[in-house]
Protein backbone atom coordinates (compact mmCIF):
# COMPACT_ATOMS: atom_id res chain seq x y z
CA MET A 1 22.37 0.72 -23.98
CA ASN A 2 19.50 -1.67 -23.64
CA ARG A 3 16.36 -0.82 -21.88
CA ASP A 4 17.19 -3.01 -18.90
CA GLN A 5 20.42 -0.99 -18.35
CA ARG A 6 18.69 2.33 -18.68
CA ALA A 7 16.21 1.08 -15.89
CA SER A 8 18.86 0.44 -13.66
CA THR A 9 20.67 3.71 -13.91
CA LEU A 10 17.39 5.64 -13.22
CA PRO A 11 17.29 6.65 -9.49
CA SER A 12 14.79 4.67 -7.73
CA MET A 13 11.98 6.77 -6.17
CA PRO A 14 10.86 5.70 -2.74
CA LEU A 15 7.15 4.51 -2.58
CA TYR A 16 4.82 4.92 0.44
CA LEU A 17 2.01 2.94 1.60
CA ALA A 18 -0.94 4.64 3.57
CA PHE A 19 -3.52 3.13 5.67
CA ASP A 20 -6.92 4.61 6.84
CA PHE A 21 -7.37 2.52 9.85
CA GLY A 22 -10.64 1.54 10.95
CA LEU A 23 -12.19 -1.11 13.54
CA GLN A 24 -14.49 -2.46 10.76
CA ARG A 25 -12.24 -1.81 7.67
CA THR A 26 -9.10 -0.20 6.90
CA GLY A 27 -8.25 1.20 3.35
CA ALA A 28 -4.97 1.24 1.78
CA ALA A 29 -3.31 3.38 -0.79
CA ILE A 30 0.34 3.59 -2.60
CA GLY A 31 2.09 6.74 -3.71
CA ASP A 32 5.48 7.88 -4.72
CA ASP A 33 7.74 10.97 -4.70
CA PHE A 34 8.16 10.76 -8.53
CA THR A 35 4.70 11.45 -9.50
CA GLY A 36 3.70 12.92 -6.22
CA ARG A 37 0.46 11.04 -6.76
CA ALA A 38 -1.37 8.60 -4.76
CA ARG A 39 -3.94 5.99 -5.68
CA ALA A 40 -6.33 3.73 -3.79
CA LEU A 41 -5.61 0.14 -3.68
CA ALA A 42 -7.85 -1.97 -1.31
CA SER A 43 -9.74 -2.38 1.86
CA PHE A 44 -9.90 -4.99 4.54
CA PRO A 45 -11.48 -5.96 7.63
CA GLY A 46 -10.23 -3.88 10.59
CA GLU A 47 -6.57 -4.99 11.63
CA ASP A 48 -6.09 -7.93 9.09
CA TRP A 49 -2.51 -8.13 9.66
CA LYS A 50 -1.90 -10.81 6.61
CA ALA A 51 -3.44 -8.31 4.36
CA VAL A 52 -1.59 -5.50 5.73
CA LEU A 53 1.87 -7.23 5.63
CA ASP A 54 1.25 -8.87 2.26
CA LEU A 55 0.84 -5.19 0.94
CA VAL A 56 4.04 -4.28 2.36
CA ASP A 57 5.96 -7.39 0.97
CA GLN A 58 4.33 -6.81 -2.61
CA TRP A 59 5.09 -3.02 -2.63
CA ARG A 60 8.21 -2.80 -0.54
CA PRO A 61 7.53 0.96 0.52
CA ALA A 62 10.16 3.05 2.16
CA ALA A 63 7.74 4.05 4.75
CA LEU A 64 4.34 3.87 5.90
CA ILE A 65 1.88 6.62 6.42
CA VAL A 66 -1.13 6.02 8.93
CA GLY A 67 -4.15 8.33 9.32
CA LEU A 68 -4.53 10.04 12.67
CA PRO A 69 -8.22 10.83 13.26
CA LEU A 70 -8.66 14.16 15.05
CA ASP A 71 -11.48 16.03 16.07
CA ARG A 72 -12.32 19.43 14.07
CA ASP A 73 -10.19 21.34 16.64
CA GLY A 74 -7.19 19.03 16.53
CA SER A 75 -7.85 17.28 19.70
CA GLU A 76 -7.77 13.75 20.02
CA GLN A 77 -10.79 11.67 20.14
CA PRO A 78 -11.36 7.62 21.24
CA MET A 79 -10.51 6.41 17.68
CA THR A 80 -7.15 8.32 17.87
CA ALA A 81 -5.78 5.87 20.39
CA ALA A 82 -6.49 2.99 18.36
CA ALA A 83 -4.85 4.37 15.34
CA ARG A 84 -1.68 5.07 17.35
CA ARG A 85 -1.73 1.57 18.57
CA PHE A 86 -2.11 0.39 14.93
CA ALA A 87 0.55 2.54 13.89
CA ALA A 88 2.97 1.34 16.55
CA GLN A 89 2.10 -2.34 15.55
CA LEU A 90 2.74 -1.56 12.00
CA GLY A 91 6.08 -0.33 12.68
CA GLU A 92 7.03 -3.31 14.88
CA ARG A 93 5.68 -5.98 12.54
CA SER A 94 6.98 -4.22 9.23
CA GLY A 95 10.30 -2.80 10.56
CA LEU A 96 9.48 0.24 8.42
CA PRO A 97 9.31 4.03 9.64
CA VAL A 98 5.59 4.87 10.27
CA HIS A 99 4.45 8.53 10.08
CA LEU A 100 0.93 9.82 11.39
CA ALA A 101 -0.91 12.10 9.17
CA ASP A 102 -3.76 14.19 10.00
CA GLU A 103 -6.84 12.70 8.39
CA ARG A 104 -9.53 15.21 9.24
CA TYR A 105 -12.17 15.21 6.44
CA SER A 106 -10.45 12.54 4.48
CA SER A 107 -13.63 10.45 4.45
CA LEU A 108 -15.78 13.42 2.99
CA ALA A 109 -13.13 14.01 0.50
CA ALA A 110 -13.29 10.22 -0.37
CA ASP A 111 -17.07 10.44 -0.66
CA GLU A 112 -16.79 13.59 -3.07
CA LEU A 113 -14.07 11.75 -5.17
CA LEU A 114 -16.38 8.79 -5.39
CA ARG A 115 -19.50 10.85 -6.48
CA GLU A 116 -17.72 12.71 -8.94
CA ALA A 117 -16.13 9.38 -10.41
CA ARG A 118 -19.62 7.82 -10.73
CA ALA A 119 -20.97 11.19 -12.41
CA SER A 120 -18.52 11.41 -14.75
CA GLY A 121 -18.81 7.73 -15.92
CA ARG A 122 -15.10 6.80 -14.78
CA MET A 123 -16.69 4.33 -11.99
CA THR A 124 -19.53 2.31 -13.61
CA ARG A 125 -20.30 0.00 -10.77
CA ARG A 126 -22.03 1.03 -7.58
CA VAL A 127 -19.97 2.31 -4.77
CA ARG A 128 -19.02 -0.26 -2.09
CA LYS A 129 -18.29 0.42 1.56
CA GLY A 130 -14.43 -0.60 1.10
CA ASP A 131 -14.09 1.85 -1.72
CA ARG A 132 -14.75 4.92 0.61
CA ASP A 133 -12.00 3.58 3.20
CA ALA A 134 -9.43 2.99 0.03
CA GLN A 135 -9.96 6.55 -1.22
CA ALA A 136 -9.71 7.92 2.09
CA ALA A 137 -6.12 6.30 2.35
CA ARG A 138 -5.64 7.74 -1.06
CA VAL A 139 -6.42 11.19 0.23
CA ILE A 140 -4.29 10.83 3.40
CA LEU A 141 -1.39 9.80 1.44
CA GLN A 142 -1.71 12.75 -1.22
CA GLN A 143 -1.95 15.26 1.35
CA TRP A 144 1.06 13.75 3.11
CA LEU A 145 3.13 13.92 0.00
CA GLU A 146 2.11 17.26 -0.84
CA SER A 147 2.84 18.41 2.66
CA ARG A 148 6.38 17.40 2.30
CA GLY A 149 7.14 19.82 -0.68
């Protein structure tokens, strides 16, 4: 059996694409069930539907995850409605299932990950504004993957 035949017999693991929606910037991350890990992809201006749908076409995920901004006590805030609208439009435009995931503290976790990457030397350039958004999407997706077992 050659390599291509072996690859075709392996079960395909679904990919998931996550978004940390923001009015100024939206971050994106990709992850899968096989590794159970997520990684940051990119960030782009607000509701850049071309960028969003290009990522969907490129990665062909099984589902999409959108971070749901909530207050510390779990109550909704003004940004929650905007994220819900983005998620609804994302489902309509992509034709894929969309899951909402609690994103409390994802930006703080992203900041910490970026600080650690800079301190360890894994990240040698300065942190850009979009880095935080992409890392926040990674945190959201990682937590979502872990919450599913």
